[in-house]
PDB file of N, CA and C in Angstrom:
ATOM      1  N   UNK A   1      -2.663 -60.866 -33.858  1.00  0.00           N
ATOM      2  CA  UNK A   1      -3.638 -60.874 -32.794  1.00  0.00           C
ATOM      3  C   UNK A   1      -3.071 -61.713 -31.662  1.00  0.00           C
ATOM      4  N   UNK A   2      -3.208 -61.229 -30.501  1.00  0.00           N
ATOM      5  CA  UNK A   2      -2.734 -61.961 -29.331  1.00  0.00           C
ATOM      6  C   UNK A   2      -3.764 -61.823 -28.227  1.00  0.00           C
ATOM      7  N   UNK A   3      -3.802 -62.813 -27.374  1.00  0.00           N
ATOM      8  CA  UNK A   3      -4.687 -62.753 -26.229  1.00  0.00           C
ATOM      9  C   UNK A   3      -3.859 -63.174 -25.025  1.00  0.00           C
ATOM     10  N   UNK A   4      -3.873 -62.378 -23.997  1.00  0.00           N
ATOM     11  CA  UNK A   4      -3.075 -62.649 -22.819  1.00  0.00           C
ATOM     12  C   UNK A   4      -3.972 -63.239 -21.743  1.00  0.00           C
ATOM     13  N   UNK A   5      -3.743 -64.481 -21.421  1.00  0.00           N
ATOM     14  CA  UNK A   5      -4.552 -65.157 -20.412  1.00  0.00           C
ATOM     15  C   UNK A   5      -3.891 -65.021 -19.051  1.00  0.00           C
ATOM     16  N   UNK A   6      -4.690 -64.721 -18.053  1.00  0.00           N
ATOM     17  CA  UNK A   6      -4.202 -64.625 -16.685  1.00  0.00           C
ATOM     18  C   UNK A   6      -4.448 -65.943 -15.970  1.00  0.00           C
ATOM     19  N   UNK A   7      -3.476 -66.383 -15.239  1.00  0.00           N
ATOM     20  CA  UNK A   7      -3.655 -67.563 -14.407  1.00  0.00           C
ATOM     21  C   UNK A   7      -3.489 -67.087 -12.973  1.00  0.00           C
ATOM     22  N   UNK A   8      -4.588 -67.011 -12.278  1.00  0.00           N
ATOM     23  CA  UNK A   8      -4.566 -66.494 -10.916  1.00  0.00           C
ATOM     24  C   UNK A   8      -4.744 -67.620  -9.908  1.00  0.00           C
ATOM     25  N   UNK A   9      -4.139 -68.754 -10.158  1.00  0.00           N
ATOM     26  CA  UNK A   9      -4.292 -69.867  -9.225  1.00  0.00           C
ATOM     27  C   UNK A   9      -3.400 -69.711  -8.000  1.00  0.00           C
ATOM     28  N   UNK A  10      -2.616 -68.632  -7.949  1.00  0.00           N
ATOM     29  CA  UNK A  10      -1.795 -68.380  -6.767  1.00  0.00           C
ATOM     30  C   UNK A  10      -2.564 -67.591  -5.705  1.00  0.00           C
ATOM     31  N   UNK A  11      -3.733 -67.109  -6.075  1.00  0.00           N
ATOM     32  CA  UNK A  11      -4.562 -66.350  -5.141  1.00  0.00           C
ATOM     33  C   UNK A  11      -5.615 -67.283  -4.553  1.00  0.00           C
ATOM     34  N   UNK A  12      -6.020 -67.011  -3.356  1.00  0.00           N
ATOM     35  CA  UNK A  12      -6.982 -67.882  -2.682  1.00  0.00           C
ATOM     36  C   UNK A  12      -8.318 -67.987  -3.407  1.00  0.00           C
ATOM     37  N   UNK A  13      -8.754 -66.913  -4.051  1.00  0.00           N
ATOM     38  CA  UNK A  13     -10.066 -66.940  -4.698  1.00  0.00           C
ATOM     39  C   UNK A  13     -10.100 -67.827  -5.938  1.00  0.00           C
ATOM     40  N   UNK A  14      -8.953 -68.029  -6.577  1.00  0.00           N
ATOM     41  CA  UNK A  14      -8.848 -68.884  -7.775  1.00  0.00           C
ATOM     42  C   UNK A  14      -9.902 -68.512  -8.807  1.00  0.00           C
ATOM     43  N   UNK A  15     -10.046 -67.241  -9.071  1.00  0.00           N
ATOM     44  CA  UNK A  15     -11.095 -66.764  -9.959  1.00  0.00           C
ATOM     45  C   UNK A  15     -10.857 -67.198 -11.407  1.00  0.00           C
ATOM     46  N   UNK A  16      -9.651 -67.021 -11.903  1.00  0.00           N
ATOM     47  CA  UNK A  16      -9.365 -67.312 -13.303  1.00  0.00           C
ATOM     48  C   UNK A  16      -8.377 -68.461 -13.392  1.00  0.00           C
ATOM     49  N   UNK A  17      -8.740 -69.480 -14.119  1.00  0.00           N
ATOM     50  CA  UNK A  17      -7.829 -70.592 -14.391  1.00  0.00           C
ATOM     51  C   UNK A  17      -7.961 -70.956 -15.858  1.00  0.00           C
ATOM     52  N   UNK A  18      -7.601 -70.041 -16.730  1.00  0.00           N
ATOM     53  CA  UNK A  18      -7.729 -70.267 -18.166  1.00  0.00           C
ATOM     54  C   UNK A  18      -6.381 -70.058 -18.831  1.00  0.00           C
ATOM     55  N   UNK A  19      -5.887 -71.071 -19.462  1.00  0.00           N
ATOM     56  CA  UNK A  19      -4.618 -70.988 -20.174  1.00  0.00           C
ATOM     57  C   UNK A  19      -4.872 -70.680 -21.640  1.00  0.00           C
ATOM     58  N   UNK A  20      -4.077 -69.810 -22.224  1.00  0.00           N
ATOM     59  CA  UNK A  20      -4.147 -69.542 -23.650  1.00  0.00           C
ATOM     60  C   UNK A  20      -3.188 -70.454 -24.392  1.00  0.00           C
ATOM     61  N   UNK A  21      -3.051 -70.234 -25.682  1.00  0.00           N
ATOM     62  CA  UNK A  21      -2.139 -71.071 -26.451  1.00  0.00           C
ATOM     63  C   UNK A  21      -0.760 -70.457 -26.594  1.00  0.00           C
ATOM     64  N   UNK A  22      -0.521 -69.271 -26.039  1.00  0.00           N
ATOM     65  CA  UNK A  22       0.786 -68.605 -26.036  1.00  0.00           C
ATOM     66  C   UNK A  22       1.346 -68.403 -27.433  1.00  0.00           C
ATOM     67  N   UNK A  23       0.494 -68.034 -28.375  1.00  0.00           N
ATOM     68  CA  UNK A  23       0.905 -67.765 -29.746  1.00  0.00           C
ATOM     69  C   UNK A  23       0.490 -66.357 -30.137  1.00  0.00           C
ATOM     70  N   UNK A  24       1.149 -65.841 -31.155  1.00  0.00           N
ATOM     71  CA  UNK A  24       0.702 -64.605 -31.789  1.00  0.00           C
ATOM     72  C   UNK A  24       0.236 -64.984 -33.182  1.00  0.00           C
ATOM     73  N   UNK A  25      -0.949 -64.513 -33.526  1.00  0.00           N
ATOM     74  CA  UNK A  25      -1.544 -64.825 -34.820  1.00  0.00           C
ATOM     75  C   UNK A  25      -1.564 -63.568 -35.683  1.00  0.00           C
ATOM     76  N   UNK A  26      -1.346 -63.753 -36.960  1.00  0.00           N
ATOM     77  CA  UNK A  26      -1.381 -62.651 -37.911  1.00  0.00           C
ATOM     78  C   UNK A  26      -2.572 -62.861 -38.822  1.00  0.00           C
ATOM     79  N   UNK A  27      -3.347 -61.806 -39.015  1.00  0.00           N
ATOM     80  CA  UNK A  27      -4.537 -61.877 -39.860  1.00  0.00           C
ATOM     81  C   UNK A  27      -4.402 -60.909 -41.012  1.00  0.00           C
ATOM     82  N   UNK A  28      -4.927 -61.311 -42.152  1.00  0.00           N
ATOM     83  CA  UNK A  28      -5.002 -60.443 -43.321  1.00  0.00           C
ATOM     84  C   UNK A  28      -6.385 -59.815 -43.343  1.00  0.00           C
ATOM     85  N   UNK A  29      -6.416 -58.490 -43.422  1.00  0.00           N
ATOM     86  CA  UNK A  29      -7.684 -57.769 -43.399  1.00  0.00           C
ATOM     87  C   UNK A  29      -7.971 -57.204 -44.778  1.00  0.00           C
ATOM     88  N   UNK A  30      -9.205 -57.355 -45.206  1.00  0.00           N
ATOM     89  CA  UNK A  30      -9.660 -56.713 -46.436  1.00  0.00           C
ATOM     90  C   UNK A  30     -11.015 -56.078 -46.143  1.00  0.00           C
ATOM     91  N   UNK A  31     -11.607 -55.465 -47.126  1.00  0.00           N
ATOM     92  CA  UNK A  31     -12.915 -54.836 -46.908  1.00  0.00           C
ATOM     93  C   UNK A  31     -13.982 -55.857 -46.560  1.00  0.00           C
ATOM     94  N   UNK A  32     -13.841 -57.084 -47.078  1.00  0.00           N
ATOM     95  CA  UNK A  32     -14.905 -58.083 -46.942  1.00  0.00           C
ATOM     96  C   UNK A  32     -14.579 -59.256 -46.028  1.00  0.00           C
ATOM     97  N   UNK A  33     -13.331 -59.376 -45.601  1.00  0.00           N
ATOM     98  CA  UNK A  33     -12.998 -60.584 -44.837  1.00  0.00           C
ATOM     99  C   UNK A  33     -11.794 -60.383 -43.920  1.00  0.00           C
ATOM    100  N   UNK A  34     -11.686 -61.289 -42.988  1.00  0.00           N
ATOM    101  CA  UNK A  34     -10.515 -61.402 -42.115  1.00  0.00           C
ATOM    102  C   UNK A  34     -10.087 -62.856 -42.203  1.00  0.00           C
ATOM    103  N   UNK A  35      -8.830 -63.084 -42.624  1.00  0.00           N
ATOM    104  CA  UNK A  35      -8.350 -64.458 -42.764  1.00  0.00           C
ATOM    105  C   UNK A  35      -7.031 -64.630 -42.015  1.00  0.00           C
ATOM    106  N   UNK A  36      -6.867 -65.782 -41.408  1.00  0.00           N
ATOM    107  CA  UNK A  36      -5.631 -66.122 -40.707  1.00  0.00           C
ATOM    108  C   UNK A  36      -4.511 -66.314 -41.719  1.00  0.00           C
ATOM    109  N   UNK A  37      -3.355 -65.723 -41.464  1.00  0.00           N
ATOM    110  CA  UNK A  37      -2.206 -65.891 -42.345  1.00  0.00           C
ATOM    111  C   UNK A  37      -1.432 -67.130 -41.898  1.00  0.00           C
ATOM    112  N   UNK A  38      -1.508 -68.236 -42.647  1.00  0.00           N
ATOM    113  CA  UNK A  38      -0.862 -69.484 -42.237  1.00  0.00           C
ATOM    114  C   UNK A  38       0.666 -69.438 -42.321  1.00  0.00           C
ATOM    115  N   UNK A  39       1.227 -68.421 -42.994  1.00  0.00           N
ATOM    116  CA  UNK A  39       2.693 -68.321 -43.108  1.00  0.00           C
ATOM    117  C   UNK A  39       3.342 -67.829 -41.824  1.00  0.00           C
ATOM    118  N   UNK A  40       2.561 -67.191 -40.964  1.00  0.00           N
ATOM    119  CA  UNK A  40       3.086 -66.637 -39.721  1.00  0.00           C
ATOM    120  C   UNK A  40       2.786 -67.615 -38.596  1.00  0.00           C
ATOM    121  N   UNK A  41       3.841 -68.146 -37.976  1.00  0.00           N
ATOM    122  CA  UNK A  41       3.669 -69.182 -36.955  1.00  0.00           C
ATOM    123  C   UNK A  41       4.622 -68.907 -35.801  1.00  0.00           C
ATOM    124  N   UNK A  42       4.208 -68.093 -34.845  1.00  0.00           N
ATOM    125  CA  UNK A  42       5.058 -67.761 -33.708  1.00  0.00           C
ATOM    126  C   UNK A  42       4.433 -68.317 -32.440  1.00  0.00           C
ATOM    127  N   UNK A  43       5.074 -69.322 -31.896  1.00  0.00           N
ATOM    128  CA  UNK A  43       4.597 -70.002 -30.694  1.00  0.00           C
ATOM    129  C   UNK A  43       5.595 -69.722 -29.574  1.00  0.00           C
ATOM    130  N   UNK A  44       5.185 -68.990 -28.563  1.00  0.00           N
ATOM    131  CA  UNK A  44       6.096 -68.596 -27.486  1.00  0.00           C
ATOM    132  C   UNK A  44       6.525 -69.785 -26.624  1.00  0.00           C
ATOM    133  N   UNK A  45       5.803 -70.868 -26.655  1.00  0.00           N
ATOM    134  CA  UNK A  45       6.238 -72.065 -25.929  1.00  0.00           C
ATOM    135  C   UNK A  45       7.319 -72.822 -26.692  1.00  0.00           C
ATOM    136  N   UNK A  46       7.345 -72.672 -27.992  1.00  0.00           N
ATOM    137  CA  UNK A  46       8.267 -73.420 -28.831  1.00  0.00           C
ATOM    138  C   UNK A  46       9.441 -72.573 -29.326  1.00  0.00           C
ATOM    139  N   UNK A  47       9.216 -71.296 -29.623  1.00  0.00           N
ATOM    140  CA  UNK A  47      10.189 -70.498 -30.363  1.00  0.00           C
ATOM    141  C   UNK A  47      11.060 -69.576 -29.528  1.00  0.00           C
ATOM    142  N   UNK A  48      10.825 -69.460 -28.247  1.00  0.00           N
ATOM    143  CA  UNK A  48      11.608 -68.566 -27.398  1.00  0.00           C
ATOM    144  C   UNK A  48      12.738 -69.371 -26.741  1.00  0.00           C
ATOM    145  N   UNK A  49      13.979 -68.943 -26.964  1.00  0.00           N
ATOM    146  CA  UNK A  49      15.140 -69.700 -26.482  1.00  0.00           C
ATOM    147  C   UNK A  49      15.175 -69.883 -24.966  1.00  0.00           C
ATOM    148  N   UNK A  50      14.653 -68.910 -24.225  1.00  0.00           N
ATOM    149  CA  UNK A  50      14.729 -68.987 -22.765  1.00  0.00           C
ATOM    150  C   UNK A  50      13.631 -69.854 -22.166  1.00  0.00           C
ATOM    151  N   UNK A  51      12.792 -70.423 -23.002  1.00  0.00           N
ATOM    152  CA  UNK A  51      11.751 -71.312 -22.506  1.00  0.00           C
ATOM    153  C   UNK A  51      10.370 -70.755 -22.738  1.00  0.00           C
ATOM    154  N   UNK A  52       9.363 -71.448 -22.272  1.00  0.00           N
ATOM    155  CA  UNK A  52       7.990 -70.989 -22.490  1.00  0.00           C
ATOM    156  C   UNK A  52       7.784 -69.565 -21.992  1.00  0.00           C
ATOM    157  N   UNK A  53       7.014 -68.816 -22.756  1.00  0.00           N
ATOM    158  CA  UNK A  53       6.739 -67.416 -22.410  1.00  0.00           C
ATOM    159  C   UNK A  53       5.314 -67.090 -22.824  1.00  0.00           C
ATOM    160  N   UNK A  54       4.832 -65.941 -22.374  1.00  0.00           N
ATOM    161  CA  UNK A  54       3.489 -65.494 -22.739  1.00  0.00           C
ATOM    162  C   UNK A  54       3.577 -64.142 -23.435  1.00  0.00           C
ATOM    163  N   UNK A  55       3.000 -64.041 -24.637  1.00  0.00           N
ATOM    164  CA  UNK A  55       2.996 -62.742 -25.306  1.00  0.00           C
ATOM    165  C   UNK A  55       2.065 -61.791 -24.561  1.00  0.00           C
ATOM    166  N   UNK A  56       2.518 -60.557 -24.346  1.00  0.00           N
ATOM    167  CA  UNK A  56       1.657 -59.613 -23.643  1.00  0.00           C
ATOM    168  C   UNK A  56       1.909 -58.167 -24.030  1.00  0.00           C
ATOM    169  N   UNK A  57       2.570 -57.958 -25.134  1.00  0.00           N
ATOM    170  CA  UNK A  57       2.793 -56.594 -25.583  1.00  0.00           C
ATOM    171  C   UNK A  57       3.110 -56.578 -27.066  1.00  0.00           C
ATOM    172  N   UNK A  58       2.902 -55.452 -27.706  1.00  0.00           N
ATOM    173  CA  UNK A  58       3.147 -55.331 -29.129  1.00  0.00           C
ATOM    174  C   UNK A  58       3.909 -54.047 -29.429  1.00  0.00           C
ATOM    175  N   UNK A  59       4.682 -54.082 -30.491  1.00  0.00           N
ATOM    176  CA  UNK A  59       5.288 -52.889 -31.068  1.00  0.00           C
ATOM    177  C   UNK A  59       4.912 -52.911 -32.539  1.00  0.00           C
ATOM    178  N   UNK A  60       4.414 -51.807 -33.044  1.00  0.00           N
ATOM    179  CA  UNK A  60       3.989 -51.730 -34.437  1.00  0.00           C
ATOM    180  C   UNK A  60       4.899 -50.788 -35.206  1.00  0.00           C
ATOM    181  N   UNK A  61       5.254 -51.217 -36.406  1.00  0.00           N
ATOM    182  CA  UNK A  61       6.034 -50.377 -37.318  1.00  0.00           C
ATOM    183  C   UNK A  61       5.187 -50.094 -38.531  1.00  0.00           C
ATOM    184  N   UNK A  62       5.170 -48.870 -38.947  1.00  0.00           N
ATOM    185  CA  UNK A  62       4.387 -48.514 -40.123  1.00  0.00           C
ATOM    186  C   UNK A  62       5.151 -48.944 -41.365  1.00  0.00           C
ATOM    187  N   UNK A  63       4.498 -49.682 -42.244  1.00  0.00           N
ATOM    188  CA  UNK A  63       5.132 -50.125 -43.468  1.00  0.00           C
ATOM    189  C   UNK A  63       4.660 -49.320 -44.649  1.00  0.00           C
ATOM    190  N   UNK A  64       5.357 -49.445 -45.722  1.00  0.00           N
ATOM    191  CA  UNK A  64       4.949 -48.780 -46.949  1.00  0.00           C
ATOM    192  C   UNK A  64       5.385 -47.333 -46.993  1.00  0.00           C
ATOM    193  N   UNK A  65       4.945 -46.650 -48.040  1.00  0.00           N
ATOM    194  CA  UNK A  65       5.353 -45.228 -48.226  1.00  0.00           C
ATOM    195  C   UNK A  65       4.708 -44.300 -47.229  1.00  0.00           C
TER     196      UNK A  65
END
């Protein structure tokens, strides 16, 4: 799960000034619950070699048979 926060403080209206945590979270889904997977820890401010970044796109691969 990811949420892309817009920072529009460069525009005169300054409508949105909300920073996200710049992480991608993985959740385990079952019929009865949704739980955060603590083994998955991807922080774009910490883990990207070129410096802080913001997640804003996904690619999905189908797993299993």
